[in-house]
Structure formats: C-alpha cells, structure tokens
Amino acid sequence: MKLGHIVMKKGLPFLQHCLGLDLETANFANADNIVFVAIDFENQRALTQAFETPIRPRFQLGIAILDTKNLISSSSSYSSNLITVRNYVSGSKKYRSKIQKKFISGETVQIQRREDLVTHLNNSIPRTRKIVLVGHSFMMDLLTLRHLNFDLDTSIVAVLDTQLIAHNIMKCSTISLKALLTKLEIPFENLHVGGQDAYFALRALLKMATQNCVPSENNEAAIGMILNARFVPFSEESNQAQVFAQEQSPRFVTATAKAHPRLKTSSAEAAAGRTKVAAEAETDGEVDPQEGGLAINEGNIVKEKKWDEALPGARIPYPPMTIADSRSLEPHHSLLSLGLLLVLDFLRRLLGIFTIVEKD
C-alpha cells in the first residue's frame, strides 16, 4: 500500500468524531479508546548512515502522546501532564547539548544505535489501544518509519496530517507548523526540535478540531473541556505564568468566546482587544495584526462554511514578517508576500535536511 493512501484526506470529521465533537456522537464515548501519537523526525536522511562510524549521524526523534482517557478525566483546572513529550537525539556532543538546551519538556535521551531508536518507538505505542498517528507534513516521517521497519498496521486506526487538515480548512496549498500555530494563536517556542514539533502538532490538531466543529448543547461540554485544558509543558512557574497571560490575552478571550456557544464578547470589547494587541505587537517589534491579518467572514482566506459559522468575525494573522518586510509592502501586495514567504520557508526546510553529520 502506498503511504499516501494511509493518510486521511479529510481527517477533521474523523478527529471530531474521536473527540466527541461531531453532532452524531456529541460526547466522549468514542474517545476513551483513542491514543494520539505525534511523531517528528529532524534530519531524516541521517538515519541511512551507520551509527558505528566515528562521524555519528545527527538527527532527532520527537514523540508526543495524548491519551484521551486523561483528557476525559481531567478537570478544567490547571494541568500540565496531558501530553507526554519525549525527545531522542544522535550526533556530536555539541549538537546534543544544543538540542537539550532547546528542549523545554524534560531530558533529551541520547541514541547510540539504530536498534535503540526502534525500541523507543515501539515502547511508545500502546498496541492494546486504538492508535492515531499525527504529524505535520507527515510524508517524510512516514517514509522514515517504513525505513526503520516500524509496524504501521497493528492497532493504528488512522494517520492524520495537520498540514493537510489545515489545507482543507484554510484553503492554503502548504503551511509551515510555525505559520499554523501563529494562525491558531497558540504560543510556541524552539521549533525544529523533534519533541517540540510533535507536541505543537498535537496542540494544533486539537485547536482545529474545536474551532471548526458546529457548536451544540450536546458537544458543549467536550468543547469546553478541550479549550480549558492546560497543555503547556513548561516548568511549574512558567506554566502558571503562561496560563495567566493566555487568559488575559484579548485574542484568546475573543477567540474562545466565539468558539464557545455560551460565552459572549461585545464588539466594543473585541475592538479594545485588537487595539491592545496592536499596541503590544508594535512595542515588541512585530507586525501590527491589523496590517497582517484578515477577517474570516471577509472571505479572503477561509471560505469553509463550518468555520464561518463557528467563528464569525474571528481574525487569523499572517505568518510573522520583520518590520522591514512589512514597511516595504503595500497593502494590496500582502497576499503575494505571503506566498513568497511560504515558498522561502519550504526551500529553507528542504535545504536543512542535507545538513546531516558533525564530528563528535
């Protein structure tokens, strides 16, 4: 079977069904047997090299696991262990140290042999449960899994690609994980670390599932539980600070109110929120969201009917640009600039995979 055939072309309805967000199930009855496992490789080409050579191959493997049983049993109060994140690395001592400093979720485990990598992968997959594999731009990762003779059949009921789901929702050809997180207003840091990318792919998956479901009295509890869950894998102090900042953010308040059927936000409050966000962006040296974003209901970016109904008037910012970029572009050139940025990002990622080895 071709790998392209195992990735669900329209994974959003299946995802919402698993989480009890669709109108048919409208509860968590179908979620308690599902385990979402996000996988991300960095520098996949290095895996074709021998581990025993003096020049050790440089690559990373990130695994993030969300057991929906934990999501169901958690309350709306603060929690930091809903997603388990693991990071594995091979390469020089300097490279391993660099990755360890960037990995915010714990310790990075060193890989000595290819067999150890396969063992860690298999130990992360509870084959007695229903498994949904998740990734962003997932085809290369699936090819790597096949190269490692990883079992892509037993207990795996679906494969979801967040880039493909975003394409179906936002009608964009390709989108980087960074741009997707920015559009979904999910705080992030230190991407291109295996564990981080896997973790944030899961966060993006859940956010797209809740924002694009049709709200009803039946699925209100499920939506609220996912929206209120705390996933940020930082230290206790950083976690609390980020949770507080998120709740105070006008963007978060506005988006949550529009996604949740029982919450209301007045137009005056929304306008005040956009003004505050614009001021903060200008202070931080970022692009004004009024210049770098489009309203969904204007029909310029997203024309999906369900999205319109679930989030009327919500704003989605463009991927971030520098101040110099923003000043050099006229407003009517913004769509062209967005396309160029996406092409440049794709070329940068493509060239990055050829940087493989580094002497220990």
Foldseek 3Di string as FASTA:
>chain_A
DDPVVQADLACLVVVCVLLLQAPVRLHNPNPQQEKEKEKDKFLLVLLVDFLPDLWGKWMKIKIKIARVNVLVPDDLDEDAPRIDIAMETMADPVNLVVLQVLDFQDGYHYDRGLVVVLVVVVVVDPLVGQYEYEYAVCPVVVVSCVVSVHDPDRNHPGYYYLQSNCCVFFVDPGDDLLQLCQQLVNDADRPPGGRRRRLSRVVSSLSVNLLQGADDPSNLVSSSSSLSYQHDNHDPVVSVVVVVVLVPQLLNLLSVQLSHVVHDDDPVSNVVNLVVQQVVCVVVQWDRQVLFKDFVVVVPTGDDPSNCNSHPRRIGGGRTDGPVVSVVDDSVCNVVVSVVVRVVVVVVSVVSSVPITDRD
